[in-house]
Amino acid sequence: MNQSTNPQDAYQRDEGDERDGYPGQTFTEPVATGYSEHVGWQGRQQPAADEPIEPVVEPIEQVVELGPTGRPKPDLPDPVALHSHGPARVLALCNQKGGVGKTTTAISLGAALAELGRRVLLVDFDPQGSLSVGLGFNPNDLELSIYNLLMGSDVAADAVIHKTDIAGLDLLPSNIDLSAAEVQLVNEVAREQTLARVLAPVVADYDVVLIDCQPSLGLLTINALTACDGVIIPLECEYFALRGVALLKTTIDKVSERLNPRLRIEGLLGTMYDSRTLHGREVLQRLVEAWGDAVFHTVIRRTVKFSDSTVAGEPITAYASNSAGAEAYRQLAKEVLARCPAE
């Protein structure tokens, strides 16, 4: 008889042939390795009833999702709930180039950390007072600011700290008076440690302290680096912003060697990223090639929501809670906590 053309009939019948209870069956297909649900017994004699069946294990190809930095996205767990607060880990947001997203990151990251149950203190250490404005405070109406705390020995930190509309988020505000402090501190003994001294009494009351630095490497920035445990470097995904990181790294190394041995770079954060431009993708790629795992997996994309939230005097997590920018800072908050030592 002719061989069947049915793909599921892998044998032909010959008269007088009986095997395994099927009369007239002759197997003509090549011998395969075992049973497959898709093609049946590929040319191998069907096993007897008491013979164990060895299934074919087909390998499963795992798809790895890459993030905007070109690395696999980390699976960050939700941070554990805290039953007590303090002492705080002090982080400075620093970059001598202006307009890279330091203030926006301080406000949004602080609010995202507060959502995770952390008590956060934001320190406005820029005479422009942008951090204070971004949280709805008018710097010109302040009776006391961080300038009074730095220069007045009779001023307590609790008298200067303001509550914000975000639960768990407090502000140590600033205004233009702070610009005079840089001149007045020159003749002070241990002038680089002034900020560390005034923050010491309140560190125990918070889980995270974020210092928004001015866009320079002057005495105020040195004070911030001396007072903190780690540095977050917001970096606009543009060529000129990339060039200044090496100079900042040199300053951080000097402060770590001479003034603050515990200081380290917590991470570099790509901001104002636009994946549609080749230039933005190349800058981010070069940043990862140069700094490796020091670059945060989270990347802050350019969106008008950040400008709108600043005008409203609210963090983006409150102004546009479901926006991509808010979710990015929530992811960054988890990543920052994962990089911090055990609380």
Protein backbone atom coordinates (compact mmCIF):
# COMPACT_ATOMS: atom_id res chain seq x y z
CA MET A 1 0.00 0.00 0.00
CA ASN A 2 1.10 3.57 -0.56
CA GLN A 3 2.38 5.60 2.35
CA SER A 4 -0.24 7.92 3.83
CA THR A 5 0.14 11.65 3.12
CA ASN A 6 -1.56 12.56 6.38
CA PRO A 7 1.15 14.27 8.57
CA GLN A 8 -0.34 12.71 11.71
CA ASP A 9 -0.27 9.20 10.19
CA ALA A 10 3.48 8.42 10.36
CA TYR A 11 3.23 4.80 9.31
CA GLN A 12 1.90 2.57 6.54
CA ARG A 13 -0.05 -0.65 6.90
CA ASP A 14 1.42 -3.96 5.68
CA GLU A 15 -0.65 -7.11 5.78
CA GLY A 16 0.41 -9.70 8.32
CA ASP A 17 2.33 -7.24 10.51
CA GLU A 18 1.16 -6.71 14.07
CA ARG A 19 2.94 -4.60 16.66
CA ASP A 20 1.78 -3.12 19.96
CA GLY A 21 -1.77 -4.23 19.29
CA TYR A 22 -2.08 -2.41 15.96
CA PRO A 23 -2.34 -4.92 13.04
CA GLY A 24 -0.51 -4.13 9.87
CA GLN A 25 1.56 -1.13 11.12
CA THR A 26 5.09 -0.45 9.87
CA PHE A 27 6.87 2.71 11.15
CA THR A 28 8.83 4.43 8.40
CA GLU A 29 9.77 7.83 9.99
CA PRO A 30 13.29 8.46 11.41
CA VAL A 31 13.77 7.74 15.09
CA ALA A 32 13.25 10.86 17.23
CA THR A 33 14.17 11.57 20.81
CA GLY A 34 10.74 11.26 22.40
CA TYR A 35 7.17 12.35 22.50
CA SER A 36 6.02 15.81 21.50
CA GLU A 37 2.48 17.06 21.91
CA HIS A 38 2.66 18.71 18.49
CA VAL A 39 3.88 15.80 16.29
CA GLY A 40 3.25 12.68 18.41
CA TRP A 41 5.75 9.80 18.50
CA GLN A 42 8.31 10.95 15.95
CA GLY A 43 9.33 7.66 14.35
CA ARG A 44 9.95 5.90 17.66
CA GLN A 45 8.02 2.81 18.57
CA GLN A 46 5.25 3.68 21.00
CA PRO A 47 6.34 2.51 24.46
CA ALA A 48 4.62 -0.35 26.21
CA ALA A 49 2.07 0.43 28.87
CA ASP A 50 4.52 -0.23 31.70
CA GLU A 51 7.41 1.71 30.11
CA PRO A 52 7.98 5.23 31.58
CA ILE A 53 7.49 8.12 29.20
CA GLU A 54 10.34 10.61 28.98
CA PRO A 55 8.89 14.00 28.04
CA VAL A 56 10.80 16.38 25.80
CA VAL A 57 11.65 19.59 27.65
CA GLU A 58 11.58 22.49 25.25
CA PRO A 59 13.76 25.46 26.34
CA ILE A 60 11.87 28.68 27.07
CA GLU A 61 13.48 31.78 25.65
CA GLN A 62 13.50 34.56 28.25
CA VAL A 63 12.98 38.08 26.94
CA VAL A 64 14.95 40.73 28.86
CA GLU A 65 13.48 44.22 28.76
CA LEU A 66 16.09 46.94 28.39
CA GLY A 67 15.65 50.39 29.87
CA PRO A 68 16.59 53.72 28.27
CA THR A 69 20.16 53.34 29.56
CA GLY A 70 20.58 50.15 27.50
CA ARG A 71 20.72 47.94 30.60
CA PRO A 72 18.12 45.44 31.85
CA LYS A 73 15.50 47.10 34.02
CA PRO A 74 15.92 46.18 37.69
CA ASP A 75 13.06 44.63 39.63
CA LEU A 76 12.95 46.97 42.61
CA PRO A 77 10.92 45.76 45.59
CA ASP A 78 8.74 48.08 47.62
CA PRO A 79 10.75 49.50 50.52
CA VAL A 80 9.96 48.12 53.96
CA ALA A 81 7.72 50.18 56.21
CA LEU A 82 9.49 52.05 59.01
CA HIS A 83 8.30 51.88 62.60
CA SER A 84 10.63 54.67 63.71
CA HIS A 85 12.44 57.54 62.03
CA GLY A 86 16.04 58.73 61.90
CA PRO A 87 18.87 59.21 61.77
CA ALA A 88 18.66 60.63 58.27
CA ARG A 89 20.84 59.91 55.30
CA VAL A 90 21.89 63.31 53.93
CA LEU A 91 22.07 63.61 50.14
CA ALA A 92 23.15 66.65 48.14
CA LEU A 93 21.86 67.33 44.63
CA CYS A 94 24.84 68.97 43.02
CA ASN A 95 25.97 70.15 39.60
CA GLN A 96 27.83 73.36 38.86
CA LYS A 97 25.86 73.73 35.62
CA GLY A 98 22.48 75.40 35.99
CA GLY A 99 19.22 74.24 34.48
CA VAL A 100 19.89 70.50 34.74
CA GLY A 101 16.95 69.65 37.00
CA LYS A 102 18.45 69.83 40.51
CA THR A 103 15.54 71.71 42.08
CA THR A 104 12.88 69.71 40.23
CA THR A 105 14.56 66.50 41.34
CA ALA A 106 14.81 67.67 44.95
CA ILE A 107 11.08 68.49 45.10
CA SER A 108 9.81 65.46 43.19
CA LEU A 109 12.18 62.93 44.76
CA GLY A 110 11.42 64.27 48.22
CA ALA A 111 7.67 63.95 47.64
CA ALA A 112 8.07 60.43 46.24
CA LEU A 113 10.10 59.39 49.28
CA ALA A 114 7.40 60.85 51.53
CA GLU A 115 4.82 58.72 49.71
CA LEU A 116 6.90 55.68 50.71
CA GLY A 117 6.55 56.57 54.38
CA ARG A 118 9.86 58.40 54.82
CA ARG A 119 10.19 61.66 56.72
CA VAL A 120 12.03 64.03 54.40
CA LEU A 121 13.62 67.44 54.95
CA LEU A 122 14.35 69.57 51.89
CA VAL A 123 17.13 72.12 52.38
CA ASP A 124 17.07 75.06 49.96
CA PHE A 125 20.76 75.99 49.76
CA ASP A 126 20.49 78.23 46.71
CA PRO A 127 20.17 82.04 47.14
CA GLN A 128 17.67 82.06 44.26
CA GLY A 129 15.19 80.23 46.50
CA SER A 130 13.80 78.14 43.64
CA LEU A 131 13.11 75.15 45.87
CA SER A 132 11.06 77.30 48.22
CA VAL A 133 9.11 78.79 45.31
CA GLY A 134 8.47 75.33 43.88
CA LEU A 135 6.73 74.34 47.10
CA GLY A 136 4.50 77.41 47.20
CA PHE A 137 6.55 79.70 49.50
CA ASN A 138 7.43 83.30 48.70
CA PRO A 139 11.10 83.83 49.66
CA ASN A 140 10.54 87.57 50.11
CA ASP A 141 7.96 86.94 52.84
CA LEU A 142 10.20 84.77 55.02
CA GLU A 143 11.04 86.12 58.45
CA LEU A 144 13.71 83.48 58.98
CA SER A 145 15.64 81.48 56.42
CA ILE A 146 18.63 79.19 56.33
CA TYR A 147 20.81 82.31 56.27
CA ASN A 148 19.69 83.16 59.82
CA LEU A 149 20.38 79.59 60.87
CA LEU A 150 23.91 79.70 59.47
CA MET A 151 24.89 83.13 60.79
CA GLY A 152 22.86 83.42 64.02
CA SER A 153 23.94 81.33 66.98
CA ASP A 154 20.64 82.00 68.80
CA VAL A 155 18.40 80.64 65.98
CA ALA A 156 17.16 77.05 66.31
CA ALA A 157 16.49 74.88 63.26
CA ASP A 158 12.94 74.13 64.39
CA ALA A 159 12.14 77.85 64.19
CA VAL A 160 13.12 77.97 60.52
CA ILE A 161 11.70 74.66 59.25
CA HIS A 162 8.29 74.88 57.55
CA LYS A 163 5.70 72.16 57.01
CA THR A 164 4.54 71.66 53.43
CA ASP A 165 1.22 70.46 52.04
CA ILE A 166 2.77 67.02 51.51
CA ALA A 167 2.60 64.76 54.57
CA GLY A 168 6.07 63.88 55.82
CA LEU A 169 7.82 66.57 53.74
CA ASP A 170 9.35 69.62 55.45
CA LEU A 171 11.29 72.59 54.07
CA LEU A 172 14.25 74.61 55.29
CA PRO A 173 13.75 77.67 53.04
CA SER A 174 16.15 80.15 51.50
CA ASN A 175 16.17 83.59 49.90
CA ILE A 176 18.62 86.10 48.46
CA ASP A 177 20.11 86.74 51.94
CA LEU A 178 22.01 83.48 51.58
CA SER A 179 24.28 85.05 48.96
CA ALA A 180 25.83 87.18 51.71
CA ALA A 181 26.68 84.11 53.76
CA GLU A 182 29.31 82.99 51.29
CA VAL A 183 31.24 86.22 51.89
CA GLN A 184 30.70 86.31 55.64
CA LEU A 185 31.76 82.71 56.16
CA VAL A 186 35.19 83.29 54.66
CA ASN A 187 36.63 84.49 57.97
CA GLU A 188 34.89 81.86 60.10
CA VAL A 189 36.78 78.98 61.73
CA ALA A 190 35.87 75.62 60.10
CA ARG A 191 33.72 77.53 57.61
CA GLU A 192 33.24 74.42 55.44
CA GLN A 193 31.43 72.63 58.29
CA THR A 194 28.89 75.32 59.13
CA LEU A 195 25.95 73.62 57.45
CA ALA A 196 26.80 70.27 59.02
CA ARG A 197 26.71 71.87 62.48
CA VAL A 198 23.30 73.48 62.05
CA LEU A 199 21.74 70.33 60.58
CA ALA A 200 23.09 68.02 63.29
CA PRO A 201 20.23 68.67 65.78
CA VAL A 202 17.48 67.73 63.28
CA VAL A 203 19.08 64.78 61.47
CA ALA A 204 17.68 62.39 64.04
CA ASP A 205 14.10 63.48 63.23
CA TYR A 206 14.17 62.53 59.54
CA ASP A 207 14.93 59.56 57.31
CA VAL A 208 16.28 61.52 54.33
CA VAL A 209 17.64 65.06 54.02
CA LEU A 210 17.96 66.45 50.46
CA ILE A 211 20.12 69.54 49.92
CA ASP A 212 19.46 71.55 46.76
CA CYS A 213 22.81 73.19 45.90
CA GLN A 214 23.40 76.33 43.90
CA PRO A 215 24.91 75.97 40.40
CA SER A 216 28.51 76.63 41.39
CA LEU A 217 31.42 75.03 43.22
CA GLY A 218 31.81 77.83 45.77
CA LEU A 219 31.85 77.77 49.55
CA LEU A 220 28.14 77.02 49.90
CA THR A 221 28.46 73.93 47.72
CA ILE A 222 31.54 72.81 49.67
CA ASN A 223 29.46 73.16 52.84
CA ALA A 224 26.78 70.95 51.35
CA LEU A 225 29.31 68.30 50.29
CA THR A 226 30.88 68.36 53.75
CA ALA A 227 27.50 67.87 55.44
CA CYS A 228 26.19 65.02 53.29
CA ASP A 229 26.69 61.27 53.01
CA GLY A 230 26.20 61.02 49.26
CA VAL A 231 25.81 63.08 46.11
CA ILE A 232 23.16 62.74 43.41
CA ILE A 233 24.27 64.42 40.19
CA PRO A 234 21.35 65.42 37.92
CA LEU A 235 22.64 65.68 34.39
CA GLU A 236 20.82 67.05 31.39
CA CYS A 237 21.23 64.74 28.40
CA GLU A 238 23.19 67.38 26.47
CA TYR A 239 26.85 67.53 25.48
CA PHE A 240 27.82 70.59 27.55
CA ALA A 241 26.33 69.07 30.71
CA LEU A 242 28.38 65.93 30.13
CA ARG A 243 31.63 67.87 29.99
CA GLY A 244 31.26 69.38 33.46
CA VAL A 245 30.91 66.09 35.34
CA ALA A 246 34.66 65.46 35.38
CA LEU A 247 35.30 68.79 37.15
CA LEU A 248 32.59 68.03 39.71
CA LYS A 249 34.10 64.60 40.31
CA THR A 250 37.46 66.25 41.08
CA THR A 251 35.82 68.56 43.63
CA ILE A 252 33.99 65.66 45.28
CA ASP A 253 37.22 63.68 45.54
CA LYS A 254 38.99 66.59 47.23
CA VAL A 255 36.18 67.08 49.75
CA SER A 256 36.13 63.35 50.46
CA GLU A 257 39.88 63.30 51.03
CA ARG A 258 40.19 66.44 53.14
CA LEU A 259 36.85 67.17 54.82
CA ASN A 260 34.32 64.33 54.60
CA PRO A 261 35.65 60.76 54.30
CA ARG A 262 32.14 59.23 54.18
CA LEU A 263 31.20 61.20 51.05
CA ARG A 264 30.48 59.17 47.93
CA ILE A 265 28.63 59.57 44.65
CA GLU A 266 25.19 58.06 45.11
CA GLY A 267 24.41 58.13 41.42
CA LEU A 268 24.10 60.14 38.21
CA LEU A 269 20.60 60.94 36.99
CA GLY A 270 19.82 61.60 33.35
CA THR A 271 17.24 64.39 33.07
CA MET A 272 15.39 66.19 30.25
CA TYR A 273 15.85 63.08 28.13
CA ASP A 274 14.22 62.92 24.71
CA SER A 275 14.51 59.49 23.11
CA ARG A 276 13.43 60.92 19.75
CA THR A 277 16.74 62.75 19.29
CA LEU A 278 19.93 60.95 18.34
CA HIS A 279 21.95 63.42 20.41
CA GLY A 280 20.05 62.60 23.60
CA ARG A 281 20.50 58.86 23.08
CA GLU A 282 24.21 59.26 22.36
CA VAL A 283 24.83 61.40 25.46
CA LEU A 284 23.04 58.88 27.68
CA GLN A 285 25.01 56.04 26.09
CA ARG A 286 28.32 57.83 26.67
CA LEU A 287 27.32 58.55 30.26
CA VAL A 288 26.73 54.84 30.91
CA GLU A 289 29.98 53.89 29.16
CA ALA A 290 31.96 56.32 31.35
CA TRP A 291 30.23 55.76 34.71
CA GLY A 292 28.71 52.30 34.45
CA ASP A 293 26.45 51.25 37.32
CA ALA A 294 26.81 54.66 38.98
CA VAL A 295 24.17 55.89 36.50
CA PHE A 296 20.64 55.42 37.78
CA HIS A 297 18.44 53.11 35.70
CA THR A 298 15.69 55.69 36.04
CA VAL A 299 15.78 58.44 33.41
CA ILE A 300 13.67 61.60 33.67
CA ARG A 301 12.11 62.43 30.32
CA ARG A 302 11.33 65.94 29.15
CA THR A 303 7.71 66.96 29.76
CA VAL A 304 5.82 70.21 30.22
CA LYS A 305 4.19 68.81 33.37
CA PHE A 306 7.28 69.74 35.39
CA SER A 307 6.94 73.41 34.45
CA ASP A 308 3.22 73.36 35.18
CA SER A 309 3.74 71.83 38.61
CA THR A 310 6.33 74.49 39.48
CA VAL A 311 3.86 77.26 38.64
CA ALA A 312 1.27 75.50 40.80
CA GLY A 313 3.74 75.27 43.69
CA GLU A 314 3.30 71.48 43.99
CA PRO A 315 5.44 68.39 43.40
CA ILE A 316 4.59 66.58 40.20
CA THR A 317 3.53 63.57 42.30
CA ALA A 318 0.66 65.71 43.61
CA TYR A 319 -0.03 67.96 40.61
CA ALA A 320 -0.05 65.20 37.96
CA SER A 321 0.00 62.02 40.01
CA ASN A 322 -0.55 59.65 37.08
CA SER A 323 1.88 61.30 34.68
CA ALA A 324 5.00 59.62 33.36
CA GLY A 325 7.16 62.15 35.21
CA ALA A 326 5.56 61.31 38.56
CA GLU A 327 6.02 57.59 37.98
CA ALA A 328 9.66 58.14 37.04
CA TYR A 329 10.39 59.89 40.32
CA ARG A 330 8.57 57.18 42.26
CA GLN A 331 10.84 54.65 40.57
CA LEU A 332 13.86 56.82 41.38
CA ALA A 333 12.82 56.94 45.04
CA LYS A 334 12.85 53.14 45.18
CA GLU A 335 16.22 53.05 43.46
CA VAL A 336 17.72 55.59 45.86
CA LEU A 337 16.50 53.64 48.89
CA ALA A 338 17.85 50.41 47.38
CA ARG A 339 21.31 52.01 47.02
CA CYS A 340 21.35 53.41 50.54
CA PRO A 341 22.79 51.28 53.34
CA ALA A 342 20.33 49.32 55.44
CA GLU A 343 18.20 51.60 57.53
